[in-house]
Amino acid sequence: QVTLVESGGGSVQVGDSLRLSCLASGRTFSNYAMGWFRQVIGKEREFVASISRNGGTTTYADSVKGRFTMSRDDAESTGYLQMISLKTEDTAVYYCAVKFTYFASRSYNSATEYNYWGQGTQVTVSS
């Protein structure tokens, strides 16, 4: 069992920055690939970013490329999502998720592939 706790969300203005954190506990974090997803009420959960076990592969949704950066610190069992130049359309609940994998360099973009999820953190961007 892996427990994930997100933090760092909040209410900001267009153009501002935020850094989300996802603290993992319960298993060896380095055995897991990680992803960030977001969801707006009434819409499906959408992929935002993912990172491989070894941190060498990152993948981003087209809507956030160039603005969001995902990273991980295995010593701290924490994943991060640095968000800059935030837009109103980035407003959502952001969820982190992890997937156990034997493939060190593979990242995963589908929510159905992930085994464990955090409770979410709200990001609100206003103009």
Foldseek 3Di string as FASTA:
>chain_A
DKAKAKDWADEEAQFAKIKMKIAIDDDQLLQKKKFKWWDDPPDDIFGAKIAFSQRPDIDGDPVQPPFWDWGDDSVRNMIMIIGGRDDQVVWTWMKMFIAGDPDRGDIDGDPVRTDDIYPTDTHGYHD
